[in-house]
Amino acid sequence: MTPRIIIALLTLVLSGLAWGVKEKSPQTAADLSAAVPAKNASAVPASEAEKLYQRYMRLHGKMVLAVVCVKNPKCIEPEDEVLKYSSALVRITDRLDDLVKQKDVDASYYRGLIAYERGRYYVGRAMLITDPDFILSATVFRKHSIDQFRIAEKNLTINAALKNPDACKYLGDIADNGYLGLKNKDRATDFYYCAAMAYLDQGKKNAAADMYNAMKNTAVHNDPRVIQIYARLHNDPVATNWRKSSSQTTQVDLEQSKINRQ
């Protein structure tokens, strides 16, 4: 296979990525800030793994622009730009893999996060394909998504064991949606519970409430894990600034009105 054919195939695959990113561009910055754990100004400098992840995101954006440029005849050697950035991204993930082998916890988180985001992208692309003539393309996308979610699960599990709430949340999403096969609601509930408890310990009540709502979709209402998170959200004297859904607010108001009538 000649280099020009390889470039053409790479361009075809990455053109779908460019389309997906352009559709989500208004919220890209917010999503990135939410994915990267917040750090205080007085905290220690960013680790090598975090810097690699930030560089990955910057190069990824440049690669997307290069892919868009491929379709423009005025661009000068656009295929070389695509290959340059894609090769740089591979080097970054390889470096993160090396750091993971050295027991770098930050590296395992960011490597898992990159794989999780890739897996979500491939799932989204596969769901867009409905024409029977292109069903094989959807199968290829799903195969790639499974490979990425396996990498994500392997790396994020390390951080989930250390009660990293974001890692727990992503693992819950993988189990909840059955990205690695059948849906496992009980396993998803375990991870959502892990994330909710860690968020509460960090004082992030809104994030914990989101995990509580996710648990209500994966477990019965009287599951001990659901009850415990509900109790902490409602009864913890520190947990005062969190977002309640309309149904929860109505239920609480009704309970208070009954007490008042008595």
C-alpha atoms as a PDB file:
ATOM      1  CA  MET A   1       0.000   0.000   0.000  1.00  0.00           C
ATOM      2  CA  THR A   2       1.529   3.303  -1.135  1.00  0.00           C
ATOM      3  CA  PRO A   3       1.972   6.254   1.246  1.00  0.00           C
ATOM      4  CA  ARG A   4      -0.609   8.286  -0.676  1.00  0.00           C
ATOM      5  CA  ILE A   5      -3.248   5.573  -0.188  1.00  0.00           C
ATOM      6  CA  ILE A   6      -2.441   5.381   3.535  1.00  0.00           C
ATOM      7  CA  ILE A   7      -2.792   9.148   3.793  1.00  0.00           C
ATOM      8  CA  ALA A   8      -6.118   9.040   1.952  1.00  0.00           C
ATOM      9  CA  LEU A   9      -7.488   6.372   4.317  1.00  0.00           C
ATOM     10  CA  LEU A  10      -6.304   8.301   7.393  1.00  0.00           C
ATOM     11  CA  THR A  11      -7.919  11.456   6.042  1.00  0.00           C
ATOM     12  CA  LEU A  12     -11.226   9.623   5.490  1.00  0.00           C
ATOM     13  CA  VAL A  13     -11.303   8.345   9.085  1.00  0.00           C
ATOM     14  CA  LEU A  14     -10.273  11.627  10.651  1.00  0.00           C
ATOM     15  CA  SER A  15     -12.720  13.676   8.577  1.00  0.00           C
ATOM     16  CA  GLY A  16     -15.518  12.192  10.684  1.00  0.00           C
ATOM     17  CA  LEU A  17     -13.645  13.311  13.804  1.00  0.00           C
ATOM     18  CA  ALA A  18     -13.458  16.859  12.478  1.00  0.00           C
ATOM     19  CA  TRP A  19     -17.202  16.894  11.866  1.00  0.00           C
ATOM     20  CA  GLY A  20     -17.915  15.646  15.385  1.00  0.00           C
ATOM     21  CA  VAL A  21     -15.671  18.245  16.992  1.00  0.00           C
ATOM     22  CA  LYS A  22     -17.180  21.090  14.990  1.00  0.00           C
ATOM     23  CA  GLU A  23     -20.618  20.071  16.192  1.00  0.00           C
ATOM     24  CA  LYS A  24     -19.484  20.208  19.842  1.00  0.00           C
ATOM     25  CA  SER A  25     -17.136  23.202  19.619  1.00  0.00           C
ATOM     26  CA  PRO A  26     -19.260  25.626  21.759  1.00  0.00           C
ATOM     27  CA  GLN A  27     -18.843  23.428  24.829  1.00  0.00           C
ATOM     28  CA  THR A  28     -15.358  22.037  24.252  1.00  0.00           C
ATOM     29  CA  ALA A  29     -13.687  24.370  26.732  1.00  0.00           C
ATOM     30  CA  ALA A  30     -16.232  23.621  29.436  1.00  0.00           C
ATOM     31  CA  ASP A  31     -15.947  19.884  28.887  1.00  0.00           C
ATOM     32  CA  LEU A  32     -12.158  20.052  29.085  1.00  0.00           C
ATOM     33  CA  SER A  33     -12.190  22.043  32.320  1.00  0.00           C
ATOM     34  CA  ALA A  34     -14.668  19.576  33.820  1.00  0.00           C
ATOM     35  CA  ALA A  35     -12.591  16.546  32.821  1.00  0.00           C
ATOM     36  CA  VAL A  36      -9.321  17.845  34.263  1.00  0.00           C
ATOM     37  CA  PRO A  37      -9.314  17.784  38.082  1.00  0.00           C
ATOM     38  CA  ALA A  38      -9.303  21.317  39.495  1.00  0.00           C
ATOM     39  CA  LYS A  39      -6.208  22.408  41.406  1.00  0.00           C
ATOM     40  CA  ASN A  40      -5.662  25.299  43.761  1.00  0.00           C
ATOM     41  CA  ALA A  41      -3.356  28.107  42.773  1.00  0.00           C
ATOM     42  CA  SER A  42      -1.097  27.160  45.685  1.00  0.00           C
ATOM     43  CA  ALA A  43      -1.037  23.487  44.719  1.00  0.00           C
ATOM     44  CA  VAL A  44       2.039  21.706  43.434  1.00  0.00           C
ATOM     45  CA  PRO A  45       2.963  22.221  39.757  1.00  0.00           C
ATOM     46  CA  ALA A  46       1.210  20.114  37.146  1.00  0.00           C
ATOM     47  CA  SER A  47       2.574  16.609  36.825  1.00  0.00           C
ATOM     48  CA  GLU A  48       4.187  15.354  33.632  1.00  0.00           C
ATOM     49  CA  ALA A  49       1.062  13.308  32.921  1.00  0.00           C
ATOM     50  CA  GLU A  50      -1.206  16.352  33.188  1.00  0.00           C
ATOM     51  CA  LYS A  51       1.085  18.368  30.916  1.00  0.00           C
ATOM     52  CA  LEU A  52       1.028  15.522  28.403  1.00  0.00           C
ATOM     53  CA  TYR A  53      -2.764  15.469  28.483  1.00  0.00           C
ATOM     54  CA  GLN A  54      -2.942  19.229  27.944  1.00  0.00           C
ATOM     55  CA  ARG A  55      -0.511  18.937  25.049  1.00  0.00           C
ATOM     56  CA  TYR A  56      -2.578  16.082  23.653  1.00  0.00           C
ATOM     57  CA  MET A  57      -5.693  18.259  23.623  1.00  0.00           C
ATOM     58  CA  ARG A  58      -3.863  21.138  21.917  1.00  0.00           C
ATOM     59  CA  LEU A  59      -2.391  18.897  19.221  1.00  0.00           C
ATOM     60  CA  HIS A  60      -5.730  17.166  18.797  1.00  0.00           C
ATOM     61  CA  GLY A  61      -7.351  20.502  17.996  1.00  0.00           C
ATOM     62  CA  LYS A  62      -4.619  21.310  15.467  1.00  0.00           C
ATOM     63  CA  MET A  63      -5.056  17.921  13.847  1.00  0.00           C
ATOM     64  CA  VAL A  64      -8.775  18.524  13.468  1.00  0.00           C
ATOM     65  CA  LEU A  65      -8.067  21.803  11.679  1.00  0.00           C
ATOM     66  CA  ALA A  66      -5.584  20.004   9.438  1.00  0.00           C
ATOM     67  CA  VAL A  67      -8.194  17.382   8.559  1.00  0.00           C
ATOM     68  CA  VAL A  68     -10.636  20.128   7.588  1.00  0.00           C
ATOM     69  CA  CYS A  69      -7.884  21.704   5.498  1.00  0.00           C
ATOM     70  CA  VAL A  70      -7.442  18.473   3.524  1.00  0.00           C
ATOM     71  CA  LYS A  71     -10.690  19.250   1.710  1.00  0.00           C
ATOM     72  CA  ASN A  72      -9.477  22.728   0.760  1.00  0.00           C
ATOM     73  CA  PRO A  73      -7.428  22.761  -2.487  1.00  0.00           C
ATOM     74  CA  LYS A  74      -5.687  25.967  -1.362  1.00  0.00           C
ATOM     75  CA  CYS A  75      -3.982  24.224   1.548  1.00  0.00           C
ATOM     76  CA  ILE A  76      -0.311  23.399   1.117  1.00  0.00           C
ATOM     77  CA  GLU A  77       0.560  19.740   1.788  1.00  0.00           C
ATOM     78  CA  PRO A  78      -2.379  19.176   4.185  1.00  0.00           C
ATOM     79  CA  GLU A  79      -1.732  15.439   4.373  1.00  0.00           C
ATOM     80  CA  ASP A  80       1.691  16.085   5.910  1.00  0.00           C
ATOM     81  CA  GLU A  81       0.087  18.203   8.642  1.00  0.00           C
ATOM     82  CA  VAL A  82      -2.407  15.461   9.493  1.00  0.00           C
ATOM     83  CA  LEU A  83       0.322  12.841   9.720  1.00  0.00           C
ATOM     84  CA  LYS A  84       2.542  15.139  11.797  1.00  0.00           C
ATOM     85  CA  TYR A  85      -0.088  15.774  14.456  1.00  0.00           C
ATOM     86  CA  SER A  86      -1.426  12.219  14.515  1.00  0.00           C
ATOM     87  CA  SER A  87       2.116  10.903  15.002  1.00  0.00           C
ATOM     88  CA  ALA A  88       2.629  13.372  17.856  1.00  0.00           C
ATOM     89  CA  LEU A  89      -0.571  12.139  19.521  1.00  0.00           C
ATOM     90  CA  VAL A  90       0.653   8.544  19.310  1.00  0.00           C
ATOM     91  CA  ARG A  91       3.942   9.546  20.943  1.00  0.00           C
ATOM     92  CA  ILE A  92       2.048  11.198  23.799  1.00  0.00           C
ATOM     93  CA  THR A  93      -0.100   8.132  24.499  1.00  0.00           C
ATOM     94  CA  ASP A  94       3.004   5.951  24.298  1.00  0.00           C
ATOM     95  CA  ARG A  95       4.713   8.172  26.877  1.00  0.00           C
ATOM     96  CA  LEU A  96       1.671   7.968  29.139  1.00  0.00           C
ATOM     97  CA  ASP A  97       1.749   4.179  28.812  1.00  0.00           C
ATOM     98  CA  ASP A  98       5.404   4.225  29.900  1.00  0.00           C
ATOM     99  CA  LEU A  99       4.526   6.337  32.942  1.00  0.00           C
ATOM    100  CA  VAL A 100       1.683   3.957  33.818  1.00  0.00           C
ATOM    101  CA  LYS A 101       4.178   1.086  33.845  1.00  0.00           C
ATOM    102  CA  GLN A 102       6.189   3.147  36.347  1.00  0.00           C
ATOM    103  CA  LYS A 103       3.141   3.240  38.669  1.00  0.00           C
ATOM    104  CA  ASP A 104       2.338   6.899  37.903  1.00  0.00           C
ATOM    105  CA  VAL A 105      -1.239   7.372  39.167  1.00  0.00           C
ATOM    106  CA  ASP A 106      -1.792  10.640  37.279  1.00  0.00           C
ATOM    107  CA  ALA A 107      -0.667   8.984  34.063  1.00  0.00           C
ATOM    108  CA  SER A 108      -3.134   6.129  34.531  1.00  0.00           C
ATOM    109  CA  TYR A 109      -5.970   8.653  35.000  1.00  0.00           C
ATOM    110  CA  TYR A 110      -5.172  10.745  31.933  1.00  0.00           C
ATOM    111  CA  ARG A 111      -4.464   7.693  29.775  1.00  0.00           C
ATOM    112  CA  GLY A 112      -7.808   6.274  30.836  1.00  0.00           C
ATOM    113  CA  LEU A 113      -9.538   9.599  30.190  1.00  0.00           C
ATOM    114  CA  ILE A 114      -8.144   9.819  26.650  1.00  0.00           C
ATOM    115  CA  ALA A 115      -9.277   6.256  25.934  1.00  0.00           C
ATOM    116  CA  TYR A 116     -12.719   6.939  27.442  1.00  0.00           C
ATOM    117  CA  GLU A 117     -13.205  10.013  25.240  1.00  0.00           C
ATOM    118  CA  ARG A 118     -12.059   8.085  22.175  1.00  0.00           C
ATOM    119  CA  GLY A 119     -14.438   5.262  22.964  1.00  0.00           C
ATOM    120  CA  ARG A 120     -17.360   7.672  23.342  1.00  0.00           C
ATOM    121  CA  TYR A 121     -16.501   9.216  19.978  1.00  0.00           C
ATOM    122  CA  TYR A 122     -16.460   5.833  18.195  1.00  0.00           C
ATOM    123  CA  VAL A 123     -19.797   4.885  19.761  1.00  0.00           C
ATOM    124  CA  GLY A 124     -21.317   8.134  18.555  1.00  0.00           C
ATOM    125  CA  ARG A 125     -20.040   7.599  15.017  1.00  0.00           C
ATOM    126  CA  ALA A 126     -21.382   4.039  14.927  1.00  0.00           C
ATOM    127  CA  MET A 127     -24.839   5.198  16.028  1.00  0.00           C
ATOM    128  CA  LEU A 128     -24.986   7.678  13.143  1.00  0.00           C
ATOM    129  CA  ILE A 129     -24.661   4.896  10.561  1.00  0.00           C
ATOM    130  CA  THR A 130     -28.104   3.504   9.705  1.00  0.00           C
ATOM    131  CA  ASP A 131     -27.710   2.632   6.017  1.00  0.00           C
ATOM    132  CA  PRO A 132     -27.417  -1.179   5.634  1.00  0.00           C
ATOM    133  CA  ASP A 133     -24.813  -0.686   2.908  1.00  0.00           C
ATOM    134  CA  PHE A 134     -22.458   0.891   5.451  1.00  0.00           C
ATOM    135  CA  ILE A 135     -23.170  -1.392   8.392  1.00  0.00           C
ATOM    136  CA  LEU A 136     -19.623  -2.763   8.210  1.00  0.00           C
ATOM    137  CA  SER A 137     -18.295   0.719   8.976  1.00  0.00           C
ATOM    138  CA  ALA A 138     -20.466   0.825  12.095  1.00  0.00           C
ATOM    139  CA  THR A 139     -19.052  -2.546  13.144  1.00  0.00           C
ATOM    140  CA  VAL A 140     -15.506  -1.216  12.756  1.00  0.00           C
ATOM    141  CA  PHE A 141     -16.329   1.835  14.874  1.00  0.00           C
ATOM    142  CA  ARG A 142     -17.824  -0.388  17.601  1.00  0.00           C
ATOM    143  CA  LYS A 143     -14.736  -2.609  17.560  1.00  0.00           C
ATOM    144  CA  HIS A 144     -12.520   0.440  18.035  1.00  0.00           C
ATOM    145  CA  SER A 145     -14.768   1.688  20.853  1.00  0.00           C
ATOM    146  CA  ILE A 146     -14.480  -1.619  22.736  1.00  0.00           C
ATOM    147  CA  ASP A 147     -10.698  -1.520  22.440  1.00  0.00           C
ATOM    148  CA  GLN A 148     -10.621   2.016  23.840  1.00  0.00           C
ATOM    149  CA  PHE A 149     -13.041   1.287  26.677  1.00  0.00           C
ATOM    150  CA  ARG A 150     -10.910  -1.684  27.731  1.00  0.00           C
ATOM    151  CA  ILE A 151      -7.901   0.631  27.976  1.00  0.00           C
ATOM    152  CA  ALA A 152     -10.017   3.160  29.872  1.00  0.00           C
ATOM    153  CA  GLU A 153     -11.307   0.570  32.332  1.00  0.00           C
ATOM    154  CA  LYS A 154      -7.820  -0.825  32.963  1.00  0.00           C
ATOM    155  CA  ASN A 155      -6.353   2.591  33.756  1.00  0.00           C
ATOM    156  CA  LEU A 156      -9.283   4.257  35.503  1.00  0.00           C
ATOM    157  CA  THR A 157      -9.724   1.298  37.860  1.00  0.00           C
ATOM    158  CA  ILE A 158      -6.387   2.235  39.437  1.00  0.00           C
ATOM    159  CA  ASN A 159      -7.711   5.691  40.290  1.00  0.00           C
ATOM    160  CA  ALA A 160     -11.143   4.433  41.321  1.00  0.00           C
ATOM    161  CA  ALA A 161      -9.452   2.266  43.942  1.00  0.00           C
ATOM    162  CA  LEU A 162      -8.014   5.511  45.346  1.00  0.00           C
ATOM    163  CA  LYS A 163     -11.506   7.086  45.451  1.00  0.00           C
ATOM    164  CA  ASN A 164     -10.974   9.418  42.504  1.00  0.00           C
ATOM    165  CA  PRO A 165     -14.590  10.544  41.875  1.00  0.00           C
ATOM    166  CA  ASP A 166     -14.117  11.295  38.178  1.00  0.00           C
ATOM    167  CA  ALA A 167     -12.601   7.884  37.540  1.00  0.00           C
ATOM    168  CA  CYS A 168     -15.490   6.243  39.402  1.00  0.00           C
ATOM    169  CA  LYS A 169     -17.994   8.259  37.361  1.00  0.00           C
ATOM    170  CA  TYR A 170     -16.475   7.240  34.015  1.00  0.00           C
ATOM    171  CA  LEU A 171     -16.341   3.584  35.028  1.00  0.00           C
ATOM    172  CA  GLY A 172     -19.973   3.797  36.108  1.00  0.00           C
ATOM    173  CA  ASP A 173     -20.884   5.188  32.714  1.00  0.00           C
ATOM    174  CA  ILE A 174     -19.048   2.348  30.952  1.00  0.00           C
ATOM    175  CA  ALA A 175     -20.903  -0.287  32.994  1.00  0.00           C
ATOM    176  CA  ASP A 176     -24.232   1.551  32.849  1.00  0.00           C
ATOM    177  CA  ASN A 177     -24.247   1.770  29.040  1.00  0.00           C
ATOM    178  CA  GLY A 178     -22.745  -1.663  28.420  1.00  0.00           C
ATOM    179  CA  TYR A 179     -19.842  -0.299  26.415  1.00  0.00           C
ATOM    180  CA  LEU A 180     -17.897  -3.509  27.059  1.00  0.00           C
ATOM    181  CA  GLY A 181     -20.786  -5.874  26.427  1.00  0.00           C
ATOM    182  CA  LEU A 182     -23.928  -6.349  28.491  1.00  0.00           C
ATOM    183  CA  LYS A 183     -25.088  -3.568  30.780  1.00  0.00           C
ATOM    184  CA  ASN A 184     -24.134  -4.162  34.400  1.00  0.00           C
ATOM    185  CA  LYS A 185     -26.411  -1.978  36.499  1.00  0.00           C
ATOM    186  CA  ASP A 186     -25.160  -3.227  39.857  1.00  0.00           C
ATOM    187  CA  ARG A 187     -21.539  -2.566  38.928  1.00  0.00           C
ATOM    188  CA  ALA A 188     -22.553   0.866  37.625  1.00  0.00           C
ATOM    189  CA  THR A 189     -24.274   1.601  40.942  1.00  0.00           C
ATOM    190  CA  ASP A 190     -21.095   0.677  42.814  1.00  0.00           C
ATOM    191  CA  PHE A 191     -19.062   3.149  40.792  1.00  0.00           C
ATOM    192  CA  TYR A 192     -21.688   5.902  40.980  1.00  0.00           C
ATOM    193  CA  TYR A 193     -21.792   5.365  44.749  1.00  0.00           C
ATOM    194  CA  CYS A 194     -17.989   5.630  44.874  1.00  0.00           C
ATOM    195  CA  ALA A 195     -18.132   8.882  42.883  1.00  0.00           C
ATOM    196  CA  ALA A 196     -20.972  10.354  44.986  1.00  0.00           C
ATOM    197  CA  MET A 197     -19.231   9.639  48.293  1.00  0.00           C
ATOM    198  CA  ALA A 198     -15.947  11.090  47.058  1.00  0.00           C
ATOM    199  CA  TYR A 199     -17.670  14.191  45.694  1.00  0.00           C
ATOM    200  CA  LEU A 200     -19.429  14.697  49.035  1.00  0.00           C
ATOM    201  CA  ASP A 201     -16.129  14.346  50.876  1.00  0.00           C
ATOM    202  CA  GLN A 202     -14.741  17.070  48.615  1.00  0.00           C
ATOM    203  CA  GLY A 203     -17.755  19.324  49.181  1.00  0.00           C
ATOM    204  CA  LYS A 204     -18.991  19.019  45.575  1.00  0.00           C
ATOM    205  CA  LYS A 205     -22.705  18.671  46.296  1.00  0.00           C
ATOM    206  CA  ASN A 206     -23.968  19.265  42.759  1.00  0.00           C
ATOM    207  CA  ALA A 207     -21.710  16.557  41.351  1.00  0.00           C
ATOM    208  CA  ALA A 208     -22.823  14.181  44.135  1.00  0.00           C
ATOM    209  CA  ALA A 209     -26.469  14.935  43.347  1.00  0.00           C
ATOM    210  CA  ASP A 210     -25.832  14.029  39.702  1.00  0.00           C
ATOM    211  CA  MET A 211     -24.406  10.691  40.796  1.00  0.00           C
ATOM    212  CA  TYR A 212     -27.411  10.147  43.082  1.00  0.00           C
ATOM    213  CA  ASN A 213     -29.751  10.703  40.130  1.00  0.00           C
ATOM    214  CA  ALA A 214     -27.686   8.253  38.061  1.00  0.00           C
ATOM    215  CA  MET A 215     -27.949   5.664  40.857  1.00  0.00           C
ATOM    216  CA  LYS A 216     -31.743   5.961  40.824  1.00  0.00           C
ATOM    217  CA  ASN A 217     -31.632   4.702  37.219  1.00  0.00           C
ATOM    218  CA  THR A 218     -29.369   1.744  38.004  1.00  0.00           C
ATOM    219  CA  ALA A 219     -30.712   0.508  41.376  1.00  0.00           C
ATOM    220  CA  VAL A 220     -34.027   0.137  43.193  1.00  0.00           C
ATOM    221  CA  HIS A 221     -35.148   3.083  45.310  1.00  0.00           C
ATOM    222  CA  ASN A 222     -34.492   1.285  48.608  1.00  0.00           C
ATOM    223  CA  ASP A 223     -31.005   0.075  47.733  1.00  0.00           C
ATOM    224  CA  PRO A 224     -28.743   0.781  50.758  1.00  0.00           C
ATOM    225  CA  ARG A 225     -26.287   2.675  48.564  1.00  0.00           C
ATOM    226  CA  VAL A 226     -29.013   4.960  47.224  1.00  0.00           C
ATOM    227  CA  ILE A 227     -30.414   5.530  50.711  1.00  0.00           C
ATOM    228  CA  GLN A 228     -27.006   6.411  52.128  1.00  0.00           C
ATOM    229  CA  ILE A 229     -26.296   9.020  49.456  1.00  0.00           C
ATOM    230  CA  TYR A 230     -29.802  10.448  49.863  1.00  0.00           C
ATOM    231  CA  ALA A 231     -29.273  10.693  53.629  1.00  0.00           C
ATOM    232  CA  ARG A 232     -25.970  12.497  53.249  1.00  0.00           C
ATOM    233  CA  LEU A 233     -27.380  14.944  50.736  1.00  0.00           C
ATOM    234  CA  HIS A 234     -30.417  15.761  52.912  1.00  0.00           C
ATOM    235  CA  ASN A 235     -29.169  15.367  56.464  1.00  0.00           C
ATOM    236  CA  ASP A 236     -25.516  16.298  56.347  1.00  0.00           C
ATOM    237  CA  PRO A 237     -25.399  19.774  57.948  1.00  0.00           C
ATOM    238  CA  VAL A 238     -22.567  20.733  55.588  1.00  0.00           C
ATOM    239  CA  ALA A 239     -24.482  19.615  52.494  1.00  0.00           C
ATOM    240  CA  THR A 240     -26.599  22.708  52.023  1.00  0.00           C
ATOM    241  CA  ASN A 241     -25.587  23.957  48.576  1.00  0.00           C
ATOM    242  CA  TRP A 242     -26.621  21.272  46.144  1.00  0.00           C
ATOM    243  CA  ARG A 243     -29.079  21.100  43.287  1.00  0.00           C
ATOM    244  CA  LYS A 244     -32.345  19.211  43.886  1.00  0.00           C
ATOM    245  CA  SER A 245     -34.506  17.935  41.073  1.00  0.00           C
ATOM    246  CA  SER A 246     -38.094  19.134  40.915  1.00  0.00           C
ATOM    247  CA  SER A 247     -39.387  15.714  41.966  1.00  0.00           C
ATOM    248  CA  GLN A 248     -37.119  15.665  45.025  1.00  0.00           C
ATOM    249  CA  THR A 249     -38.133  19.183  46.023  1.00  0.00           C
ATOM    250  CA  THR A 250     -41.798  18.313  45.737  1.00  0.00           C
ATOM    251  CA  GLN A 251     -41.354  15.203  47.875  1.00  0.00           C
ATOM    252  CA  VAL A 252     -39.534  17.106  50.609  1.00  0.00           C
ATOM    253  CA  ASP A 253     -42.138  19.877  50.621  1.00  0.00           C
ATOM    254  CA  LEU A 254     -44.949  17.339  50.923  1.00  0.00           C
ATOM    255  CA  GLU A 255     -43.228  15.628  53.845  1.00  0.00           C
ATOM    256  CA  GLN A 256     -42.810  18.947  55.643  1.00  0.00           C
ATOM    257  CA  SER A 257     -46.436  19.913  55.014  1.00  0.00           C
ATOM    258  CA  LYS A 258     -47.620  16.626  56.554  1.00  0.00           C
ATOM    259  CA  ILE A 259     -45.568  17.295  59.648  1.00  0.00           C
ATOM    260  CA  ASN A 260     -47.000  20.813  59.936  1.00  0.00           C
ATOM    261  CA  ARG A 261     -50.595  19.526  59.697  1.00  0.00           C
ATOM    262  CA  GLN A 262     -49.934  17.045  62.466  1.00  0.00           C
END
